[in-house]
């Protein structure tokens, strides 16, 4: 399975591609950041993010895209920019028919470190270890994107089984009604 993880942000949008399956060693295929100037007009920044993500989709051809689920923050401007960048990533993937999964920051931290309250340094250290890298990817947005991809690879089999069970239950329920 090849997953493109996206850590959305207007100034720095982390992107990382991981190959692998649950229970086996994972491989980092690519990692980076799509950057936009903080003083640029919002529309131009969103177009730049779209173009950057499209390049990653063209180059790496992921089977899934995992995006950090936007959560409420104290700074409304920050959460709005994050939500807008997140929407661009989801749009790019959906336009190509690539399934998109959303994972909360605490889900990602728990999957990668074992604690949903881990800090950025702990996430970076575990990403480095899990992908057998020489050093943590920089900036932290890049490491977070890889953590999203890892989280999805590890959680996807269980989520798929759950979805199949729910669908089967609905089918059976429909037959008895």
N, C-alpha and C. Protein backbone atom coordinates (compact mmCIF):
# COMPACT_ATOMS: atom_id res chain seq x y z
N UNK A 1 0.85 -1.16 0.00
CA UNK A 1 0.00 0.00 0.00
C UNK A 1 0.91 1.24 0.00
N UNK A 2 0.57 2.20 -0.82
CA UNK A 2 1.31 3.46 -0.87
C UNK A 2 0.38 4.58 -0.42
N UNK A 3 0.82 5.32 0.60
CA UNK A 3 -0.01 6.38 1.17
C UNK A 3 0.75 7.70 1.15
N UNK A 4 0.06 8.74 0.68
CA UNK A 4 0.56 10.11 0.77
C UNK A 4 -0.06 10.73 2.01
N UNK A 5 0.77 11.07 2.99
CA UNK A 5 0.30 11.78 4.17
C UNK A 5 0.42 13.27 3.94
N UNK A 6 -0.59 14.02 4.37
CA UNK A 6 -0.59 15.47 4.21
C UNK A 6 -0.86 16.12 5.57
N UNK A 7 0.10 16.91 6.03
CA UNK A 7 -0.05 17.71 7.24
C UNK A 7 -0.37 19.12 6.76
N UNK A 8 -1.66 19.50 6.70
CA UNK A 8 -2.05 20.74 6.03
C UNK A 8 -1.63 22.00 6.78
N UNK A 9 -1.25 22.98 5.99
CA UNK A 9 -0.91 24.30 6.51
C UNK A 9 -0.76 25.25 5.35
N UNK A 10 -1.02 26.51 5.56
CA UNK A 10 -0.92 27.49 4.48
C UNK A 10 0.53 27.86 4.17
N UNK A 11 1.35 28.00 5.19
CA UNK A 11 2.75 28.39 4.97
C UNK A 11 3.61 27.17 4.66
N UNK A 12 3.41 26.10 5.44
CA UNK A 12 4.13 24.85 5.23
C UNK A 12 3.13 23.70 5.26
N UNK A 13 2.96 23.04 4.14
CA UNK A 13 2.08 21.89 4.04
C UNK A 13 2.98 20.66 3.91
N UNK A 14 3.08 19.88 4.99
CA UNK A 14 3.95 18.71 4.98
C UNK A 14 3.38 17.61 4.12
N UNK A 15 4.25 16.94 3.36
CA UNK A 15 3.84 15.81 2.51
C UNK A 15 4.86 14.69 2.68
N UNK A 16 4.37 13.47 2.74
CA UNK A 16 5.27 12.33 2.87
C UNK A 16 4.61 11.08 2.33
N UNK A 17 5.40 10.27 1.64
CA UNK A 17 4.88 9.04 1.04
C UNK A 17 5.54 7.84 1.72
N UNK A 18 4.70 6.90 2.14
CA UNK A 18 5.19 5.69 2.79
C UNK A 18 4.58 4.48 2.08
N UNK A 19 5.42 3.48 1.85
CA UNK A 19 5.00 2.20 1.27
C UNK A 19 5.05 1.14 2.35
N UNK A 20 4.07 0.22 2.32
CA UNK A 20 4.11 -0.89 3.25
C UNK A 20 2.74 -1.42 3.58
N UNK A 21 2.74 -2.41 4.45
CA UNK A 21 1.50 -3.00 4.96
C UNK A 21 1.67 -3.19 6.47
N UNK A 22 0.55 -3.25 7.16
CA UNK A 22 0.58 -3.44 8.61
C UNK A 22 1.32 -4.72 8.95
N UNK A 23 2.16 -4.63 9.97
CA UNK A 23 2.89 -5.81 10.44
C UNK A 23 4.20 -6.07 9.74
N UNK A 24 4.53 -5.26 8.76
CA UNK A 24 5.80 -5.42 8.03
C UNK A 24 6.58 -4.11 8.07
N UNK A 25 7.88 -4.16 7.84
CA UNK A 25 8.65 -2.91 7.82
C UNK A 25 8.13 -1.95 6.74
N UNK A 26 8.13 -0.67 7.07
CA UNK A 26 7.65 0.37 6.18
C UNK A 26 8.83 1.07 5.51
N UNK A 27 8.56 1.70 4.36
CA UNK A 27 9.61 2.40 3.62
C UNK A 27 9.14 3.81 3.27
N UNK A 28 9.98 4.79 3.58
CA UNK A 28 9.70 6.15 3.15
C UNK A 28 10.10 6.26 1.68
N UNK A 29 9.18 6.73 0.87
CA UNK A 29 9.44 6.88 -0.57
C UNK A 29 9.74 8.33 -0.91
N UNK A 30 9.16 9.26 -0.16
CA UNK A 30 9.42 10.68 -0.40
C UNK A 30 8.92 11.50 0.76
N UNK A 31 9.54 12.65 0.98
CA UNK A 31 9.11 13.54 2.05
C UNK A 31 9.49 14.97 1.68
N UNK A 32 8.64 15.92 2.06
CA UNK A 32 8.94 17.31 1.76
C UNK A 32 7.89 18.23 2.31
N UNK A 33 7.94 19.47 1.84
CA UNK A 33 7.01 20.50 2.28
C UNK A 33 6.64 21.35 1.08
N UNK A 34 5.36 21.62 0.93
CA UNK A 34 4.89 22.58 -0.07
C UNK A 34 4.80 23.91 0.68
N UNK A 35 5.58 24.89 0.23
CA UNK A 35 5.64 26.19 0.93
C UNK A 35 4.95 27.28 0.13
N UNK A 36 4.35 28.22 0.87
CA UNK A 36 3.78 29.41 0.24
C UNK A 36 4.22 30.63 1.05
N UNK A 37 4.40 31.77 0.38
CA UNK A 37 4.80 32.98 1.11
C UNK A 37 3.66 33.50 1.99
N UNK A 38 3.97 33.83 3.23
CA UNK A 38 2.96 34.30 4.17
C UNK A 38 2.30 35.60 3.72
N UNK A 39 2.99 36.38 2.90
CA UNK A 39 2.43 37.67 2.49
C UNK A 39 1.67 37.60 1.16
N UNK A 40 1.56 36.40 0.58
CA UNK A 40 0.84 36.25 -0.70
C UNK A 40 -0.67 36.23 -0.44
N UNK A 41 -1.42 36.58 -1.46
CA UNK A 41 -2.88 36.55 -1.38
C UNK A 41 -3.34 35.11 -1.16
N UNK A 42 -4.40 34.94 -0.36
CA UNK A 42 -4.89 33.61 0.00
C UNK A 42 -5.14 32.73 -1.22
N UNK A 43 -5.82 33.27 -2.23
CA UNK A 43 -6.10 32.48 -3.43
C UNK A 43 -4.85 31.96 -4.09
N UNK A 44 -3.81 32.79 -4.16
CA UNK A 44 -2.54 32.36 -4.78
C UNK A 44 -1.87 31.28 -3.94
N UNK A 45 -2.00 31.39 -2.63
CA UNK A 45 -1.41 30.38 -1.74
C UNK A 45 -2.11 29.03 -1.93
N UNK A 46 -3.44 29.06 -2.04
CA UNK A 46 -4.18 27.81 -2.23
C UNK A 46 -3.85 27.17 -3.57
N UNK A 47 -3.68 27.99 -4.62
CA UNK A 47 -3.29 27.46 -5.93
C UNK A 47 -1.90 26.83 -5.84
N UNK A 48 -0.98 27.47 -5.12
CA UNK A 48 0.37 26.93 -4.97
C UNK A 48 0.33 25.58 -4.23
N UNK A 49 -0.51 25.48 -3.21
CA UNK A 49 -0.65 24.21 -2.49
C UNK A 49 -1.23 23.15 -3.42
N UNK A 50 -2.24 23.53 -4.20
CA UNK A 50 -2.83 22.57 -5.15
C UNK A 50 -1.77 22.08 -6.13
N UNK A 51 -1.00 22.99 -6.69
CA UNK A 51 0.02 22.60 -7.66
C UNK A 51 1.07 21.69 -7.03
N UNK A 52 1.45 22.01 -5.79
CA UNK A 52 2.43 21.17 -5.10
C UNK A 52 1.90 19.77 -4.84
N UNK A 53 0.67 19.67 -4.37
CA UNK A 53 0.09 18.35 -4.09
C UNK A 53 -0.11 17.57 -5.38
N UNK A 54 -0.54 18.25 -6.43
CA UNK A 54 -0.69 17.59 -7.73
C UNK A 54 0.64 17.00 -8.19
N UNK A 55 1.74 17.71 -7.99
CA UNK A 55 3.06 17.20 -8.37
C UNK A 55 3.39 15.92 -7.59
N UNK A 56 3.07 15.92 -6.28
CA UNK A 56 3.31 14.73 -5.47
C UNK A 56 2.45 13.57 -5.93
N UNK A 57 1.20 13.84 -6.26
CA UNK A 57 0.31 12.79 -6.75
C UNK A 57 0.80 12.24 -8.09
N UNK A 58 1.27 13.12 -8.97
CA UNK A 58 1.81 12.69 -10.27
C UNK A 58 3.06 11.83 -10.09
N UNK A 59 3.96 12.28 -9.23
CA UNK A 59 5.24 11.59 -9.09
C UNK A 59 5.13 10.26 -8.35
N UNK A 60 4.33 10.22 -7.28
CA UNK A 60 4.33 9.04 -6.41
C UNK A 60 3.13 8.12 -6.59
N UNK A 61 2.06 8.56 -7.23
CA UNK A 61 0.89 7.73 -7.51
C UNK A 61 0.41 6.93 -6.29
N UNK A 62 0.05 7.62 -5.19
CA UNK A 62 -0.40 6.89 -4.00
C UNK A 62 -1.76 6.24 -4.22
N UNK A 63 -2.00 5.19 -3.45
CA UNK A 63 -3.29 4.50 -3.49
C UNK A 63 -4.29 5.14 -2.52
N UNK A 64 -3.76 5.83 -1.51
CA UNK A 64 -4.57 6.50 -0.50
C UNK A 64 -3.91 7.82 -0.14
N UNK A 65 -4.73 8.75 0.32
CA UNK A 65 -4.22 10.01 0.86
C UNK A 65 -4.76 10.14 2.27
N UNK A 66 -3.86 10.35 3.22
CA UNK A 66 -4.24 10.52 4.63
C UNK A 66 -3.97 11.97 5.01
N UNK A 67 -5.02 12.65 5.47
CA UNK A 67 -4.93 14.07 5.80
C UNK A 67 -5.25 14.24 7.28
N UNK A 68 -4.51 15.15 7.92
CA UNK A 68 -4.81 15.43 9.32
C UNK A 68 -6.17 16.11 9.42
N UNK A 69 -7.02 15.55 10.28
CA UNK A 69 -8.34 16.13 10.52
C UNK A 69 -8.16 17.43 11.29
N UNK A 70 -8.77 18.48 10.79
CA UNK A 70 -8.65 19.78 11.43
C UNK A 70 -9.43 19.76 12.74
N UNK A 71 -8.79 20.26 13.78
CA UNK A 71 -9.44 20.33 15.08
C UNK A 71 -9.47 21.78 15.56
N UNK A 72 -10.34 22.06 16.49
CA UNK A 72 -10.50 23.43 16.98
C UNK A 72 -9.25 23.88 17.72
N UNK A 73 -8.80 25.05 17.35
CA UNK A 73 -7.66 25.66 18.03
C UNK A 73 -8.12 27.00 18.57
N UNK A 74 -7.29 27.62 19.40
CA UNK A 74 -7.64 28.93 19.95
C UNK A 74 -7.53 30.01 18.88
N UNK A 75 -6.59 29.86 17.96
CA UNK A 75 -6.37 30.87 16.93
C UNK A 75 -7.22 30.53 15.70
N UNK A 76 -8.32 31.26 15.50
CA UNK A 76 -9.24 30.98 14.40
C UNK A 76 -8.56 31.13 13.05
N UNK A 77 -7.66 32.10 12.90
CA UNK A 77 -6.95 32.29 11.63
C UNK A 77 -6.13 31.05 11.29
N UNK A 78 -5.48 30.49 12.28
CA UNK A 78 -4.66 29.30 12.04
C UNK A 78 -5.53 28.12 11.62
N UNK A 79 -6.63 27.91 12.34
CA UNK A 79 -7.50 26.77 12.02
C UNK A 79 -8.14 26.95 10.65
N UNK A 80 -8.47 28.17 10.28
CA UNK A 80 -9.06 28.41 8.95
C UNK A 80 -8.06 28.08 7.85
N UNK A 81 -6.82 28.53 8.00
CA UNK A 81 -5.79 28.23 7.00
C UNK A 81 -5.53 26.74 6.89
N UNK A 82 -5.50 26.08 8.03
CA UNK A 82 -5.30 24.62 8.05
C UNK A 82 -6.46 23.93 7.35
N UNK A 83 -7.68 24.37 7.63
CA UNK A 83 -8.86 23.77 7.00
C UNK A 83 -8.86 23.99 5.49
N UNK A 84 -8.45 25.18 5.07
CA UNK A 84 -8.42 25.47 3.63
C UNK A 84 -7.38 24.60 2.92
N UNK A 85 -6.20 24.47 3.52
CA UNK A 85 -5.16 23.62 2.92
C UNK A 85 -5.60 22.15 2.92
N UNK A 86 -6.29 21.73 3.97
CA UNK A 86 -6.80 20.37 4.06
C UNK A 86 -7.81 20.10 2.94
N UNK A 87 -8.69 21.07 2.70
CA UNK A 87 -9.69 20.92 1.64
C UNK A 87 -9.04 20.80 0.27
N UNK A 88 -7.98 21.55 0.04
CA UNK A 88 -7.26 21.47 -1.24
C UNK A 88 -6.69 20.06 -1.42
N UNK A 89 -6.09 19.51 -0.38
CA UNK A 89 -5.52 18.16 -0.47
C UNK A 89 -6.60 17.13 -0.75
N UNK A 90 -7.74 17.24 -0.06
CA UNK A 90 -8.83 16.30 -0.28
C UNK A 90 -9.40 16.43 -1.69
N UNK A 91 -9.51 17.65 -2.18
CA UNK A 91 -10.01 17.89 -3.53
C UNK A 91 -9.08 17.26 -4.58
N UNK A 92 -7.78 17.49 -4.43
CA UNK A 92 -6.81 16.94 -5.39
C UNK A 92 -6.92 15.42 -5.47
N UNK A 93 -6.99 14.77 -4.32
CA UNK A 93 -7.09 13.31 -4.28
C UNK A 93 -8.42 12.84 -4.84
N UNK A 94 -9.50 13.47 -4.41
CA UNK A 94 -10.84 13.05 -4.84
C UNK A 94 -11.05 13.23 -6.33
N UNK A 95 -10.47 14.28 -6.89
CA UNK A 95 -10.57 14.53 -8.33
C UNK A 95 -9.97 13.35 -9.11
N UNK A 96 -9.00 12.68 -8.53
CA UNK A 96 -8.34 11.54 -9.19
C UNK A 96 -8.95 10.20 -8.77
N UNK A 97 -9.94 10.24 -7.91
CA UNK A 97 -10.54 9.00 -7.45
C UNK A 97 -9.73 8.28 -6.39
N UNK A 98 -8.81 8.98 -5.74
CA UNK A 98 -7.99 8.38 -4.69
C UNK A 98 -8.72 8.53 -3.37
N UNK A 99 -8.94 7.42 -2.65
CA UNK A 99 -9.63 7.51 -1.36
C UNK A 99 -8.86 8.39 -0.37
N UNK A 100 -9.60 9.18 0.39
CA UNK A 100 -9.03 10.07 1.40
C UNK A 100 -9.47 9.61 2.77
N UNK A 101 -8.54 9.56 3.71
CA UNK A 101 -8.85 9.24 5.10
C UNK A 101 -8.40 10.42 5.96
N UNK A 102 -9.21 10.74 6.94
CA UNK A 102 -8.87 11.81 7.88
C UNK A 102 -8.52 11.18 9.22
N UNK A 103 -7.42 11.63 9.80
CA UNK A 103 -6.98 11.13 11.11
C UNK A 103 -6.72 12.32 12.02
N UNK A 104 -7.18 12.23 13.26
CA UNK A 104 -6.95 13.31 14.21
C UNK A 104 -5.49 13.29 14.67
N UNK A 105 -4.99 14.42 15.13
CA UNK A 105 -3.62 14.43 15.64
C UNK A 105 -3.39 13.41 16.75
N UNK A 106 -4.36 13.25 17.65
CA UNK A 106 -4.16 12.29 18.74
C UNK A 106 -4.15 10.84 18.23
N UNK A 107 -4.95 10.54 17.19
CA UNK A 107 -4.92 9.19 16.58
C UNK A 107 -3.54 8.91 16.00
N UNK A 108 -3.00 9.90 15.30
CA UNK A 108 -1.69 9.74 14.66
C UNK A 108 -0.61 9.55 15.72
N UNK A 109 -0.62 10.40 16.73
CA UNK A 109 0.38 10.29 17.81
C UNK A 109 0.29 8.94 18.50
N UNK A 110 -0.93 8.49 18.79
CA UNK A 110 -1.12 7.20 19.46
C UNK A 110 -0.64 6.05 18.58
N UNK A 111 -0.94 6.12 17.28
CA UNK A 111 -0.53 5.05 16.38
C UNK A 111 0.99 4.95 16.28
N UNK A 112 1.65 6.10 16.23
CA UNK A 112 3.10 6.11 15.99
C UNK A 112 3.92 5.98 17.27
N UNK A 113 3.45 6.60 18.37
CA UNK A 113 4.26 6.61 19.60
C UNK A 113 3.66 5.78 20.73
N UNK A 114 2.36 5.46 20.62
CA UNK A 114 1.70 4.76 21.72
C UNK A 114 1.00 5.71 22.68
N UNK A 115 1.20 7.03 22.49
CA UNK A 115 0.54 8.01 23.34
C UNK A 115 -0.08 9.11 22.49
N UNK A 116 -1.35 9.36 22.70
CA UNK A 116 -2.05 10.41 21.97
C UNK A 116 -1.64 11.81 22.39
N UNK A 117 -0.80 11.90 23.41
CA UNK A 117 -0.33 13.20 23.90
C UNK A 117 1.15 13.43 23.62
N UNK A 118 1.72 12.65 22.75
CA UNK A 118 3.15 12.78 22.43
C UNK A 118 3.44 14.15 21.83
N UNK A 119 4.66 14.64 22.07
CA UNK A 119 5.03 15.93 21.48
C UNK A 119 5.68 15.71 20.12
N UNK A 120 5.96 16.82 19.43
CA UNK A 120 6.52 16.75 18.07
C UNK A 120 7.85 16.00 18.05
N UNK A 121 8.67 16.19 19.07
CA UNK A 121 9.97 15.52 19.12
C UNK A 121 9.80 14.00 19.21
N UNK A 122 8.83 13.55 20.01
CA UNK A 122 8.59 12.11 20.14
C UNK A 122 8.07 11.53 18.83
N UNK A 123 7.17 12.26 18.15
CA UNK A 123 6.65 11.80 16.86
C UNK A 123 7.80 11.71 15.86
N UNK A 124 8.62 12.74 15.78
CA UNK A 124 9.76 12.74 14.86
C UNK A 124 10.72 11.59 15.15
N UNK A 125 10.98 11.33 16.42
CA UNK A 125 11.89 10.24 16.79
C UNK A 125 11.33 8.89 16.38
N UNK A 126 10.04 8.67 16.59
CA UNK A 126 9.44 7.39 16.23
C UNK A 126 9.34 7.22 14.71
N UNK A 127 9.02 8.29 13.99
CA UNK A 127 8.99 8.22 12.53
C UNK A 127 10.38 7.82 12.02
N UNK A 128 11.40 8.43 12.59
CA UNK A 128 12.79 8.13 12.22
C UNK A 128 13.10 6.65 12.46
N UNK A 129 12.69 6.15 13.60
CA UNK A 129 12.94 4.75 13.96
C UNK A 129 12.14 3.79 13.08
N UNK A 130 10.84 4.07 12.93
CA UNK A 130 9.97 3.17 12.17
C UNK A 130 10.36 3.08 10.70
N UNK A 131 10.85 4.18 10.15
CA UNK A 131 11.23 4.20 8.73
C UNK A 131 12.72 3.98 8.52
N UNK A 132 13.43 3.73 9.62
CA UNK A 132 14.87 3.46 9.58
C UNK A 132 15.63 4.59 8.86
N UNK A 133 15.36 5.83 9.29
CA UNK A 133 16.01 7.00 8.71
C UNK A 133 17.23 7.38 9.55
N UNK A 134 18.15 8.13 8.96
CA UNK A 134 19.34 8.58 9.68
C UNK A 134 19.03 9.70 10.66
N UNK A 135 18.02 10.53 10.33
CA UNK A 135 17.66 11.67 11.17
C UNK A 135 16.18 11.98 10.97
N UNK A 136 15.58 12.66 11.94
CA UNK A 136 14.17 13.02 11.79
C UNK A 136 14.00 13.99 10.61
N UNK A 137 12.95 13.80 9.82
CA UNK A 137 12.69 14.73 8.72
C UNK A 137 12.43 16.14 9.26
N UNK A 138 12.93 17.12 8.56
CA UNK A 138 12.73 18.53 8.94
C UNK A 138 12.07 19.26 7.79
N UNK A 139 11.20 20.22 8.06
CA UNK A 139 10.70 20.60 9.38
C UNK A 139 9.74 19.56 9.93
N UNK A 140 9.21 19.83 11.11
CA UNK A 140 8.32 18.88 11.78
C UNK A 140 7.08 18.57 10.95
N UNK A 141 6.67 19.50 10.08
CA UNK A 141 5.50 19.25 9.22
C UNK A 141 5.74 18.04 8.32
N UNK A 142 6.98 17.87 7.86
CA UNK A 142 7.32 16.73 7.01
C UNK A 142 7.24 15.42 7.81
N UNK A 143 7.77 15.43 9.03
CA UNK A 143 7.69 14.24 9.89
C UNK A 143 6.23 13.92 10.22
N UNK A 144 5.43 14.95 10.45
CA UNK A 144 4.01 14.73 10.75
C UNK A 144 3.28 14.11 9.55
N UNK A 145 3.66 14.51 8.34
CA UNK A 145 3.04 13.93 7.14
C UNK A 145 3.37 12.44 7.04
N UNK A 146 4.61 12.08 7.33
CA UNK A 146 5.00 10.66 7.33
C UNK A 146 4.24 9.90 8.42
N UNK A 147 4.07 10.53 9.59
CA UNK A 147 3.33 9.89 10.68
C UNK A 147 1.88 9.63 10.26
N UNK A 148 1.28 10.56 9.53
CA UNK A 148 -0.09 10.36 9.02
C UNK A 148 -0.15 9.15 8.10
N UNK A 149 0.83 9.02 7.20
CA UNK A 149 0.85 7.89 6.28
C UNK A 149 1.02 6.58 7.04
N UNK A 150 1.92 6.57 8.02
CA UNK A 150 2.13 5.37 8.84
C UNK A 150 0.85 5.00 9.58
N UNK A 151 0.22 5.99 10.19
CA UNK A 151 -1.04 5.76 10.92
C UNK A 151 -2.07 5.12 9.99
N UNK A 152 -2.19 5.63 8.79
CA UNK A 152 -3.19 5.09 7.87
C UNK A 152 -2.87 3.64 7.49
N UNK A 153 -1.63 3.36 7.21
CA UNK A 153 -1.24 1.99 6.84
C UNK A 153 -1.58 1.03 7.97
N UNK A 154 -1.31 1.43 9.18
CA UNK A 154 -1.56 0.56 10.32
C UNK A 154 -3.03 0.46 10.68
N UNK A 155 -3.81 1.52 10.46
CA UNK A 155 -5.22 1.52 10.85
C UNK A 155 -6.15 1.05 9.74
N UNK A 156 -5.74 1.15 8.49
CA UNK A 156 -6.63 0.84 7.36
C UNK A 156 -7.21 -0.57 7.41
N UNK A 157 -6.43 -1.62 7.70
CA UNK A 157 -7.02 -2.96 7.72
C UNK A 157 -8.17 -3.08 8.72
N UNK A 158 -8.00 -2.53 9.90
CA UNK A 158 -9.07 -2.60 10.91
C UNK A 158 -10.27 -1.77 10.48
N UNK A 159 -10.02 -0.59 9.93
CA UNK A 159 -11.12 0.26 9.48
C UNK A 159 -11.89 -0.41 8.35
N UNK A 160 -11.18 -1.06 7.44
CA UNK A 160 -11.84 -1.76 6.32
C UNK A 160 -12.72 -2.90 6.83
N UNK A 161 -12.20 -3.67 7.79
CA UNK A 161 -12.99 -4.77 8.36
C UNK A 161 -14.24 -4.23 9.05
N UNK A 162 -14.11 -3.12 9.76
CA UNK A 162 -15.25 -2.51 10.43
C UNK A 162 -16.29 -2.05 9.41
N UNK A 163 -15.85 -1.39 8.35
CA UNK A 163 -16.77 -0.93 7.31
C UNK A 163 -17.48 -2.11 6.65
N UNK A 164 -16.75 -3.19 6.40
CA UNK A 164 -17.36 -4.37 5.79
C UNK A 164 -18.39 -4.99 6.72
N UNK A 165 -18.09 -5.02 8.02
CA UNK A 165 -19.03 -5.58 8.99
C UNK A 165 -20.30 -4.74 9.07
N UNK A 166 -20.14 -3.42 9.06
CA UNK A 166 -21.31 -2.53 9.09
C UNK A 166 -22.16 -2.73 7.83
N UNK A 167 -21.50 -2.82 6.67
CA UNK A 167 -22.23 -3.02 5.41
C UNK A 167 -22.96 -4.36 5.42
N UNK A 168 -22.30 -5.41 5.92
CA UNK A 168 -22.94 -6.73 5.98
C UNK A 168 -24.14 -6.70 6.93
N UNK A 169 -23.98 -6.02 8.04
CA UNK A 169 -25.08 -5.91 9.00
C UNK A 169 -26.28 -5.19 8.37
N UNK A 170 -26.01 -4.13 7.65
CA UNK A 170 -27.10 -3.39 6.99
C UNK A 170 -27.79 -4.26 5.94
N UNK A 171 -27.01 -5.05 5.21
CA UNK A 171 -27.57 -5.92 4.21
C UNK A 171 -28.47 -6.96 4.86
N UNK A 172 -27.97 -7.59 5.95
CA UNK A 172 -28.77 -8.58 6.65
C UNK A 172 -30.00 -7.95 7.26
N UNK A 173 -29.86 -6.78 7.82
CA UNK A 173 -30.99 -6.10 8.43
C UNK A 173 -32.06 -5.78 7.39
N UNK A 174 -31.63 -5.41 6.18
CA UNK A 174 -32.55 -5.11 5.10
C UNK A 174 -33.33 -6.33 4.63
N UNK A 175 -32.72 -7.51 4.73
CA UNK A 175 -33.40 -8.74 4.31
C UNK A 175 -34.48 -9.17 5.29
N UNK A 176 -34.31 -8.83 6.57
CA UNK A 176 -35.27 -9.27 7.58
C UNK A 176 -36.39 -8.25 7.80
N UNK A 177 -36.26 -7.12 7.19
CA UNK A 177 -37.28 -6.07 7.41
C UNK A 177 -38.51 -6.30 6.59
